[in-house]
């Protein structure tokens, strides 16, 4: 059986990115802009999705993002991403952002997010992606949780379609 049919292990696509936060990344209080953190999250998530799909991937959604604690100028931001589950052409990627205290050798959780990426070819047409093979108990839990989140996203998408149909151009967020 080919590798494509069998799927890919979570560890094959895990990605990490590190950033030192500079004043140009921060607001007047010296805290990292939320939008900049979102950019970093999107980038490391795309790396994991592209590794899993072995293709170009595009962000379809960032459906849950928690800002747990601020990231300050001068701190070292570490972002880790892994594919939680893959479907026909899409993948859910979980990203965790932490600040590393290099002097005390400790990590402080600052943000988490779930993103959906779609694999596409050079023309933007969707491509099939291999399934995820979770190995550890933690990966298996994330795999199952991703299925529940997908069901909730589907319900929310349907609700929004119905609201747009009912209200047309009058509906505003």
N, C-alpha and C. Protein backbone atom coordinates (compact mmCIF):
# COMPACT_ATOMS: atom_id res chain seq x y z
N UNK A 1 0.85 -1.18 0.00
CA UNK A 1 0.00 0.00 0.00
C UNK A 1 0.89 1.24 0.00
N UNK A 2 0.50 2.26 -0.74
CA UNK A 2 1.35 3.45 -0.84
C UNK A 2 1.24 4.32 0.41
N UNK A 3 2.25 5.17 0.58
CA UNK A 3 2.28 6.10 1.72
C UNK A 3 1.08 7.03 1.71
N UNK A 4 0.63 7.43 0.49
CA UNK A 4 -0.50 8.36 0.37
C UNK A 4 -1.77 7.74 0.96
N UNK A 5 -1.97 6.43 0.73
CA UNK A 5 -3.17 5.76 1.22
C UNK A 5 -3.09 5.57 2.73
N UNK A 6 -1.91 5.23 3.23
CA UNK A 6 -1.74 4.97 4.65
C UNK A 6 -1.85 6.23 5.49
N UNK A 7 -1.42 7.35 4.98
CA UNK A 7 -1.44 8.59 5.73
C UNK A 7 -0.05 8.98 6.21
N UNK A 8 -0.03 10.02 7.01
CA UNK A 8 1.24 10.53 7.54
C UNK A 8 1.12 10.71 9.05
N UNK A 9 2.22 10.40 9.72
CA UNK A 9 2.28 10.57 11.17
C UNK A 9 2.30 12.06 11.51
N UNK A 10 1.76 12.40 12.67
CA UNK A 10 1.74 13.78 13.14
C UNK A 10 3.16 14.34 13.21
N UNK A 11 4.10 13.54 13.68
CA UNK A 11 5.48 14.01 13.86
C UNK A 11 6.15 14.41 12.55
N UNK A 12 5.64 13.93 11.41
CA UNK A 12 6.24 14.26 10.12
C UNK A 12 5.98 15.70 9.69
N UNK A 13 4.98 16.33 10.27
CA UNK A 13 4.63 17.68 9.85
C UNK A 13 4.75 18.73 10.95
N UNK A 14 5.08 18.31 12.16
CA UNK A 14 5.18 19.28 13.26
C UNK A 14 6.17 20.38 12.89
N UNK A 15 5.79 21.62 13.22
CA UNK A 15 6.61 22.78 12.86
C UNK A 15 6.79 23.68 14.06
N UNK A 16 7.89 24.41 14.05
CA UNK A 16 8.20 25.34 15.13
C UNK A 16 8.80 26.60 14.54
N UNK A 17 8.49 27.72 15.17
CA UNK A 17 9.01 29.02 14.75
C UNK A 17 9.34 29.81 16.01
N UNK A 18 10.41 30.56 15.96
CA UNK A 18 10.81 31.39 17.10
C UNK A 18 10.96 32.83 16.63
N UNK A 19 10.57 33.76 17.49
CA UNK A 19 10.67 35.19 17.18
C UNK A 19 11.11 35.94 18.43
N UNK A 20 12.02 36.89 18.26
CA UNK A 20 12.31 37.85 19.33
C UNK A 20 11.41 39.04 19.06
N UNK A 21 10.73 39.53 20.08
CA UNK A 21 9.78 40.62 19.91
C UNK A 21 10.51 41.96 20.02
N UNK A 22 10.37 42.78 18.98
CA UNK A 22 11.01 44.09 18.90
C UNK A 22 9.97 45.20 19.07
N UNK A 23 10.41 46.42 19.36
CA UNK A 23 9.45 47.53 19.53
C UNK A 23 8.52 47.73 18.34
N UNK A 24 8.99 47.47 17.13
CA UNK A 24 8.12 47.65 15.96
C UNK A 24 7.00 46.61 15.90
N UNK A 25 7.08 45.56 16.72
CA UNK A 25 6.05 44.51 16.79
C UNK A 25 5.01 44.81 17.86
N UNK A 26 5.22 45.90 18.63
CA UNK A 26 4.44 46.09 19.85
C UNK A 26 3.62 47.38 19.86
N UNK A 27 2.63 47.39 20.75
CA UNK A 27 1.80 48.58 20.96
C UNK A 27 2.48 49.54 21.94
N UNK A 28 1.78 50.60 22.31
CA UNK A 28 2.34 51.63 23.19
C UNK A 28 2.68 51.11 24.59
N UNK A 29 2.10 49.98 24.99
CA UNK A 29 2.40 49.38 26.29
C UNK A 29 3.58 48.42 26.23
N UNK A 30 4.13 48.23 25.02
CA UNK A 30 5.25 47.31 24.87
C UNK A 30 4.84 45.86 24.72
N UNK A 31 3.55 45.62 24.41
CA UNK A 31 3.04 44.26 24.22
C UNK A 31 2.87 43.97 22.73
N UNK A 32 3.18 42.74 22.34
CA UNK A 32 3.04 42.30 20.96
C UNK A 32 1.63 42.57 20.45
N UNK A 33 1.52 43.14 19.24
CA UNK A 33 0.22 43.35 18.61
C UNK A 33 -0.47 41.99 18.43
N UNK A 34 -1.76 41.93 18.72
CA UNK A 34 -2.52 40.70 18.50
C UNK A 34 -2.48 40.26 17.04
N UNK A 35 -2.56 41.22 16.13
CA UNK A 35 -2.51 40.90 14.71
C UNK A 35 -1.18 40.30 14.28
N UNK A 36 -0.10 40.76 14.90
CA UNK A 36 1.22 40.21 14.58
C UNK A 36 1.30 38.78 15.10
N UNK A 37 0.76 38.53 16.30
CA UNK A 37 0.74 37.17 16.83
C UNK A 37 -0.09 36.27 15.91
N UNK A 38 -1.20 36.78 15.41
CA UNK A 38 -2.03 36.01 14.47
C UNK A 38 -1.23 35.67 13.21
N UNK A 39 -0.43 36.62 12.74
CA UNK A 39 0.40 36.38 11.56
C UNK A 39 1.39 35.24 11.83
N UNK A 40 2.06 35.29 12.96
CA UNK A 40 3.01 34.24 13.30
C UNK A 40 2.32 32.88 13.41
N UNK A 41 1.14 32.87 14.03
CA UNK A 41 0.36 31.64 14.17
C UNK A 41 -0.01 31.09 12.80
N UNK A 42 -0.45 31.96 11.91
CA UNK A 42 -0.83 31.55 10.56
C UNK A 42 0.38 30.96 9.82
N UNK A 43 1.53 31.59 9.95
CA UNK A 43 2.73 31.11 9.25
C UNK A 43 3.19 29.75 9.73
N UNK A 44 3.27 29.55 11.04
CA UNK A 44 3.72 28.24 11.55
C UNK A 44 2.67 27.17 11.26
N UNK A 45 1.41 27.55 11.29
CA UNK A 45 0.34 26.60 10.93
C UNK A 45 0.44 26.18 9.48
N UNK A 46 0.72 27.15 8.60
CA UNK A 46 0.86 26.85 7.16
C UNK A 46 2.05 25.92 6.92
N UNK A 47 3.12 26.10 7.69
CA UNK A 47 4.27 25.21 7.56
C UNK A 47 3.88 23.77 7.86
N UNK A 48 3.16 23.55 8.94
CA UNK A 48 2.74 22.19 9.30
C UNK A 48 1.80 21.62 8.25
N UNK A 49 0.84 22.42 7.80
CA UNK A 49 -0.13 21.95 6.80
C UNK A 49 0.57 21.60 5.49
N UNK A 50 1.50 22.45 5.06
CA UNK A 50 2.22 22.19 3.81
C UNK A 50 3.09 20.94 3.92
N UNK A 51 3.70 20.75 5.06
CA UNK A 51 4.50 19.53 5.26
C UNK A 51 3.63 18.29 5.19
N UNK A 52 2.44 18.36 5.80
CA UNK A 52 1.56 17.20 5.79
C UNK A 52 1.05 16.92 4.37
N UNK A 53 0.58 17.97 3.69
CA UNK A 53 -0.01 17.80 2.36
C UNK A 53 1.04 17.65 1.27
N UNK A 54 2.27 18.12 1.58
CA UNK A 54 3.33 18.19 0.57
C UNK A 54 2.83 18.96 -0.64
N UNK A 55 2.22 20.10 -0.32
CA UNK A 55 1.62 20.95 -1.34
C UNK A 55 1.48 22.36 -0.80
N UNK A 56 1.10 23.27 -1.66
CA UNK A 56 0.76 24.63 -1.24
C UNK A 56 -0.51 24.53 -0.40
N UNK A 57 -0.58 25.29 0.68
CA UNK A 57 -1.81 25.32 1.47
C UNK A 57 -2.24 26.77 1.69
N UNK A 58 -3.54 26.96 1.79
CA UNK A 58 -4.09 28.29 2.04
C UNK A 58 -4.95 28.23 3.30
N UNK A 59 -4.99 29.33 4.02
CA UNK A 59 -5.77 29.40 5.25
C UNK A 59 -7.25 29.54 4.90
N UNK A 60 -8.06 28.64 5.41
CA UNK A 60 -9.50 28.72 5.21
C UNK A 60 -10.18 29.41 6.39
N UNK A 61 -9.66 29.16 7.59
CA UNK A 61 -10.25 29.79 8.77
C UNK A 61 -9.32 29.69 9.96
N UNK A 62 -9.52 30.62 10.88
CA UNK A 62 -8.91 30.57 12.20
C UNK A 62 -10.10 30.69 13.13
N UNK A 63 -10.62 29.53 13.55
CA UNK A 63 -11.91 29.58 14.22
C UNK A 63 -11.84 29.75 15.72
N UNK A 64 -10.68 29.64 16.29
CA UNK A 64 -10.60 29.82 17.74
C UNK A 64 -9.20 30.31 18.08
N UNK A 65 -9.13 31.43 18.76
CA UNK A 65 -7.84 32.00 19.16
C UNK A 65 -7.99 32.59 20.54
N UNK A 66 -7.17 32.14 21.46
CA UNK A 66 -7.15 32.66 22.82
C UNK A 66 -5.88 33.46 23.04
N UNK A 67 -6.02 34.68 23.55
CA UNK A 67 -4.87 35.46 24.00
C UNK A 67 -4.84 35.29 25.52
N UNK A 68 -3.96 34.43 25.99
CA UNK A 68 -3.92 34.05 27.41
C UNK A 68 -3.12 35.06 28.23
N UNK A 69 -2.00 35.53 27.68
CA UNK A 69 -1.11 36.45 28.40
C UNK A 69 -0.36 37.29 27.38
N UNK A 70 0.06 38.50 27.78
CA UNK A 70 0.78 39.35 26.84
C UNK A 70 2.20 38.84 26.55
N UNK A 71 2.70 39.23 25.38
CA UNK A 71 4.09 38.97 25.01
C UNK A 71 4.76 40.34 24.95
N UNK A 72 5.85 40.51 25.67
CA UNK A 72 6.47 41.83 25.80
C UNK A 72 7.70 41.98 24.91
N UNK A 73 8.02 43.23 24.61
CA UNK A 73 9.22 43.52 23.84
C UNK A 73 10.42 42.86 24.51
N UNK A 74 11.26 42.23 23.71
CA UNK A 74 12.46 41.57 24.21
C UNK A 74 12.27 40.10 24.54
N UNK A 75 11.03 39.64 24.60
CA UNK A 75 10.80 38.24 24.95
C UNK A 75 10.96 37.35 23.71
N UNK A 76 11.25 36.08 23.97
CA UNK A 76 11.42 35.08 22.93
C UNK A 76 10.12 34.29 22.80
N UNK A 77 9.48 34.42 21.65
CA UNK A 77 8.21 33.76 21.37
C UNK A 77 8.48 32.46 20.62
N UNK A 78 7.93 31.36 21.13
CA UNK A 78 8.07 30.05 20.50
C UNK A 78 6.68 29.60 20.08
N UNK A 79 6.52 29.24 18.81
CA UNK A 79 5.23 28.75 18.30
C UNK A 79 5.42 27.34 17.79
N UNK A 80 4.50 26.44 18.18
CA UNK A 80 4.56 25.04 17.75
C UNK A 80 3.23 24.68 17.11
N UNK A 81 3.31 23.97 15.98
CA UNK A 81 2.10 23.60 15.24
C UNK A 81 2.15 22.13 14.86
N UNK A 82 0.96 21.52 14.84
CA UNK A 82 0.85 20.16 14.32
C UNK A 82 -0.53 19.97 13.70
N UNK A 83 -0.58 19.08 12.73
CA UNK A 83 -1.85 18.76 12.08
C UNK A 83 -2.60 17.81 13.01
N UNK A 84 -3.80 18.23 13.41
CA UNK A 84 -4.60 17.41 14.31
C UNK A 84 -5.38 16.34 13.56
N UNK A 85 -5.90 16.72 12.39
CA UNK A 85 -6.72 15.79 11.61
C UNK A 85 -6.79 16.30 10.18
N UNK A 86 -6.88 15.37 9.24
CA UNK A 86 -7.02 15.73 7.83
C UNK A 86 -8.31 15.15 7.29
N UNK A 87 -8.90 15.87 6.37
CA UNK A 87 -10.13 15.44 5.72
C UNK A 87 -9.79 15.27 4.23
N UNK A 88 -10.74 15.40 3.35
CA UNK A 88 -10.46 15.15 1.93
C UNK A 88 -9.42 16.11 1.38
N UNK A 89 -9.67 17.43 1.55
CA UNK A 89 -8.73 18.44 1.04
C UNK A 89 -8.29 19.42 2.11
N UNK A 90 -8.82 19.28 3.31
CA UNK A 90 -8.50 20.25 4.37
C UNK A 90 -7.89 19.57 5.58
N UNK A 91 -7.27 20.40 6.42
CA UNK A 91 -6.61 19.91 7.63
C UNK A 91 -6.86 20.89 8.76
N UNK A 92 -7.09 20.39 9.97
CA UNK A 92 -7.10 21.24 11.14
C UNK A 92 -5.70 21.21 11.74
N UNK A 93 -5.17 22.40 12.00
CA UNK A 93 -3.85 22.55 12.60
C UNK A 93 -4.02 23.25 13.94
N UNK A 94 -3.40 22.70 14.97
CA UNK A 94 -3.37 23.35 16.28
C UNK A 94 -2.04 24.05 16.46
N UNK A 95 -2.10 25.28 16.98
CA UNK A 95 -0.88 26.06 17.23
C UNK A 95 -0.88 26.51 18.68
N UNK A 96 0.26 26.35 19.32
CA UNK A 96 0.45 26.82 20.69
C UNK A 96 1.61 27.79 20.70
N UNK A 97 1.40 28.96 21.32
CA UNK A 97 2.44 29.98 21.42
C UNK A 97 2.85 30.11 22.88
N UNK A 98 4.17 30.16 23.09
CA UNK A 98 4.72 30.26 24.44
C UNK A 98 5.85 31.28 24.44
N UNK A 99 6.10 31.86 25.60
CA UNK A 99 7.27 32.72 25.78
C UNK A 99 8.28 31.91 26.58
N UNK A 100 9.51 31.92 26.09
CA UNK A 100 10.57 31.20 26.78
C UNK A 100 11.34 32.16 27.67
N UNK A 101 11.42 31.83 28.94
CA UNK A 101 12.28 32.55 29.87
C UNK A 101 13.61 31.82 29.84
N UNK A 102 14.56 32.36 29.07
CA UNK A 102 15.83 31.66 28.87
C UNK A 102 16.67 31.60 30.14
N UNK A 103 16.51 32.58 31.02
CA UNK A 103 17.30 32.59 32.26
C UNK A 103 16.84 31.50 33.23
N UNK A 104 15.52 31.28 33.29
CA UNK A 104 14.99 30.27 34.21
C UNK A 104 14.63 28.96 33.51
N UNK A 105 14.85 28.90 32.20
CA UNK A 105 14.57 27.71 31.41
C UNK A 105 13.13 27.23 31.60
N UNK A 106 12.18 28.20 31.46
CA UNK A 106 10.75 27.90 31.62
C UNK A 106 9.98 28.45 30.44
N UNK A 107 8.84 27.83 30.17
CA UNK A 107 7.93 28.29 29.13
C UNK A 107 6.65 28.79 29.77
N UNK A 108 6.10 29.90 29.22
CA UNK A 108 4.82 30.46 29.68
C UNK A 108 3.87 30.48 28.49
N UNK A 109 2.72 29.81 28.64
CA UNK A 109 1.72 29.74 27.58
C UNK A 109 1.09 31.12 27.37
N UNK A 110 1.05 31.60 26.13
CA UNK A 110 0.46 32.92 25.86
C UNK A 110 -0.71 32.88 24.89
N UNK A 111 -0.80 31.83 24.05
CA UNK A 111 -1.90 31.78 23.09
C UNK A 111 -2.03 30.39 22.49
N UNK A 112 -3.25 30.07 22.07
CA UNK A 112 -3.52 28.83 21.34
C UNK A 112 -4.53 29.15 20.25
N UNK A 113 -4.46 28.38 19.16
CA UNK A 113 -5.40 28.61 18.05
C UNK A 113 -5.61 27.32 17.27
N UNK A 114 -6.77 27.25 16.62
CA UNK A 114 -7.07 26.17 15.67
C UNK A 114 -7.34 26.82 14.33
N UNK A 115 -6.66 26.30 13.30
CA UNK A 115 -6.81 26.83 11.96
C UNK A 115 -7.17 25.69 11.01
N UNK A 116 -7.86 26.05 9.93
CA UNK A 116 -8.14 25.09 8.87
C UNK A 116 -7.39 25.55 7.63
N UNK A 117 -6.64 24.64 7.04
CA UNK A 117 -5.91 24.89 5.81
C UNK A 117 -6.42 23.96 4.73
N UNK A 118 -6.37 24.43 3.48
CA UNK A 118 -6.77 23.64 2.33
C UNK A 118 -5.56 23.50 1.42
N UNK A 119 -5.31 22.29 0.93
CA UNK A 119 -4.22 22.04 -0.01
C UNK A 119 -4.71 22.39 -1.42
N UNK A 120 -3.86 23.12 -2.16
CA UNK A 120 -4.22 23.53 -3.52
C UNK A 120 -3.03 23.33 -4.47
N UNK A 121 -3.36 23.26 -5.77
CA UNK A 121 -2.30 23.19 -6.77
C UNK A 121 -1.93 24.61 -7.21
N UNK A 122 -1.07 24.72 -8.21
CA UNK A 122 -0.58 26.02 -8.68
C UNK A 122 -1.70 26.93 -9.21
N UNK A 123 -2.85 26.34 -9.54
CA UNK A 123 -3.97 27.11 -10.09
C UNK A 123 -5.06 27.37 -9.05
N UNK A 124 -4.82 26.93 -7.83
CA UNK A 124 -5.79 27.14 -6.76
C UNK A 124 -6.85 26.07 -6.65
N UNK A 125 -6.71 24.99 -7.41
CA UNK A 125 -7.66 23.88 -7.33
C UNK A 125 -7.31 23.00 -6.12
N UNK A 126 -8.35 22.56 -5.42
CA UNK A 126 -8.14 21.74 -4.23
C UNK A 126 -7.47 20.42 -4.56
N UNK A 127 -6.61 19.97 -3.63
CA UNK A 127 -5.92 18.69 -3.76
C UNK A 127 -6.28 17.79 -2.59
N UNK A 128 -6.35 16.50 -2.84
CA UNK A 128 -6.59 15.54 -1.76
C UNK A 128 -5.36 15.50 -0.85
N UNK A 129 -5.61 15.31 0.45
CA UNK A 129 -4.52 15.21 1.41
C UNK A 129 -4.59 13.85 2.10
N UNK A 130 -3.44 13.32 2.52
CA UNK A 130 -3.45 12.02 3.22
C UNK A 130 -4.03 12.16 4.62
N UNK A 131 -4.57 11.09 5.15
CA UNK A 131 -5.06 11.14 6.53
C UNK A 131 -3.91 11.29 7.52
N UNK A 132 -4.26 11.71 8.72
CA UNK A 132 -3.30 11.83 9.82
C UNK A 132 -3.25 10.51 10.58
N UNK A 133 -2.06 10.13 10.97
CA UNK A 133 -1.89 8.93 11.81
C UNK A 133 -1.43 9.40 13.19
N UNK A 134 -2.37 9.52 14.13
CA UNK A 134 -1.96 9.90 15.49
C UNK A 134 -1.35 8.70 16.20
N UNK A 135 -0.26 8.92 16.90
CA UNK A 135 0.43 7.80 17.57
C UNK A 135 0.31 7.86 19.08
N UNK A 136 0.52 9.02 19.67
CA UNK A 136 0.49 9.13 21.13
C UNK A 136 -0.94 9.35 21.62
N UNK A 137 -1.16 9.17 22.91
CA UNK A 137 -2.49 9.43 23.48
C UNK A 137 -2.88 10.89 23.28
N UNK A 138 -1.93 11.79 23.45
CA UNK A 138 -2.18 13.22 23.24
C UNK A 138 -2.61 13.49 21.80
N UNK A 139 -1.93 12.91 20.83
CA UNK A 139 -2.28 13.09 19.42
C UNK A 139 -3.65 12.49 19.11
N UNK A 140 -3.95 11.35 19.71
CA UNK A 140 -5.25 10.70 19.50
C UNK A 140 -6.38 11.56 20.07
N UNK A 141 -6.14 12.17 21.23
CA UNK A 141 -7.16 13.06 21.82
C UNK A 141 -7.38 14.27 20.91
N UNK A 142 -6.29 14.86 20.42
CA UNK A 142 -6.41 16.02 19.52
C UNK A 142 -7.14 15.64 18.24
N UNK A 143 -6.89 14.44 17.74
CA UNK A 143 -7.56 13.94 16.54
C UNK A 143 -9.07 13.87 16.77
N UNK A 144 -9.48 13.28 17.88
CA UNK A 144 -10.91 13.16 18.21
C UNK A 144 -11.53 14.54 18.44
N UNK A 145 -10.84 15.40 19.17
CA UNK A 145 -11.34 16.75 19.43
C UNK A 145 -11.53 17.52 18.13
N UNK A 146 -10.64 17.32 17.17
CA UNK A 146 -10.74 18.01 15.87
C UNK A 146 -12.04 17.61 15.16
N UNK A 147 -12.43 16.37 15.27
CA UNK A 147 -13.69 15.92 14.67
C UNK A 147 -14.89 16.62 15.28
N UNK A 148 -14.88 16.79 16.59
CA UNK A 148 -15.98 17.50 17.27
C UNK A 148 -16.01 18.98 16.86
N UNK A 149 -14.82 19.60 16.76
CA UNK A 149 -14.78 21.01 16.34
C UNK A 149 -15.29 21.16 14.90
N UNK A 150 -14.98 20.19 14.05
CA UNK A 150 -15.45 20.27 12.66
C UNK A 150 -16.97 20.24 12.61
N UNK A 151 -17.58 19.39 13.41
CA UNK A 151 -19.04 19.34 13.47
C UNK A 151 -19.62 20.68 13.91
N UNK A 152 -19.01 21.30 14.92
CA UNK A 152 -19.48 22.60 15.40
C UNK A 152 -19.30 23.68 14.32
N UNK A 153 -18.16 23.65 13.61
CA UNK A 153 -17.94 24.61 12.53
C UNK A 153 -19.00 24.47 11.45
N UNK A 154 -19.35 23.22 11.14
CA UNK A 154 -20.38 22.97 10.12
C UNK A 154 -21.71 23.56 10.52
N UNK A 155 -22.08 23.42 11.78
CA UNK A 155 -23.34 23.99 12.28
C UNK A 155 -23.31 25.51 12.21
N UNK A 156 -22.19 26.10 12.59
CA UNK A 156 -22.05 27.56 12.56
C UNK A 156 -22.08 28.08 11.13
N UNK A 157 -21.43 27.39 10.21
CA UNK A 157 -21.43 27.80 8.81
C UNK A 157 -22.85 27.78 8.26
N UNK A 158 -23.61 26.73 8.58
CA UNK A 158 -25.00 26.63 8.11
C UNK A 158 -25.84 27.76 8.70
N UNK A 159 -25.64 28.07 9.98
CA UNK A 159 -26.40 29.16 10.62
C UNK A 159 -26.13 30.48 9.92
N UNK A 160 -24.86 30.75 9.58
CA UNK A 160 -24.51 32.01 8.91
C UNK A 160 -25.11 32.08 7.52
N UNK A 161 -25.12 30.96 6.80
CA UNK A 161 -25.74 30.94 5.47
C UNK A 161 -27.22 31.27 5.56
N UNK A 162 -27.89 30.70 6.56
CA UNK A 162 -29.31 30.95 6.74
C UNK A 162 -29.57 32.41 7.09
N UNK A 163 -28.71 33.02 7.92
CA UNK A 163 -28.88 34.43 8.27
C UNK A 163 -28.69 35.32 7.04
N UNK A 164 -27.67 35.02 6.22
CA UNK A 164 -27.45 35.82 5.01
C UNK A 164 -28.63 35.70 4.06
N UNK A 165 -29.19 34.48 3.94
CA UNK A 165 -30.33 34.27 3.06
C UNK A 165 -31.55 35.04 3.57
N UNK A 166 -31.74 35.06 4.89
CA UNK A 166 -32.90 35.73 5.47
C UNK A 166 -32.80 37.24 5.42
N UNK A 167 -31.60 37.77 5.65
CA UNK A 167 -31.44 39.21 5.77
C UNK A 167 -30.80 39.87 4.56
N UNK A 168 -30.19 39.09 3.70
CA UNK A 168 -29.56 39.64 2.50
C UNK A 168 -28.55 40.70 2.84
N UNK A 169 -28.58 41.81 2.10
CA UNK A 169 -27.63 42.91 2.29
C UNK A 169 -27.87 43.67 3.59
N UNK A 170 -29.00 43.47 4.24
CA UNK A 170 -29.31 44.18 5.47
C UNK A 170 -28.55 43.59 6.67
N UNK A 171 -28.08 42.36 6.52
CA UNK A 171 -27.38 41.69 7.62
C UNK A 171 -25.97 42.19 7.73
N UNK A 172 -25.62 42.68 8.90
CA UNK A 172 -24.27 43.18 9.15
C UNK A 172 -23.75 42.57 10.44
N UNK A 173 -22.45 42.38 10.47
CA UNK A 173 -21.82 41.82 11.67
C UNK A 173 -21.69 42.89 12.71
